[in-house]
Amino acid sequence: QVQVVESGGGLVQAGGSLRLSCAASGRTTIYLMAWFRQAPGKEREFVASIAWSGGNTYYTDSVKGRFAISRDIARNTVFLQMNSLKPEDTAVYYCALDRDYCLGYGCSRRTGYDYWGQGTQVTVSS
């Protein structure tokens, strides 16, 4: 059974940094992993994704230049380094895994992920 487990959330002041981790376990092929977030009263939104083989990365506009997604293939782990955090970044952050092949811009897809983690809370105080 495939499991996706996030860690690293917490409380931080505006302007601070946090690093989220997400480890995938179980028998599966990984083509794409991504981070999403959901703030109170809002829909879940795409944050960033990374193509597993080539390492190409994609970001939503609001986090470009502040967040960085990376991966450790040997450990089936994806990271999200979040810098210059703002109160509007407060949300539950979810990790997602996609078993389907993607190419180019298709690796920035927002739907169709196969496995999801339980989420980790990130709170940014002003």
Foldseek 3Di string as FASTA:
>chain_A
DKAKAKDWADEEAAQAKTKMKIFIDDDAAFQKKFKWWDDPPGDIGGAKMAGVPPGDIDGDPVQPPFWDWGDDNVRRMIMIIGGSDDQVVWTWMKMFTARDHDDDPRNSDDDDTDDMHPTDTHGYHD
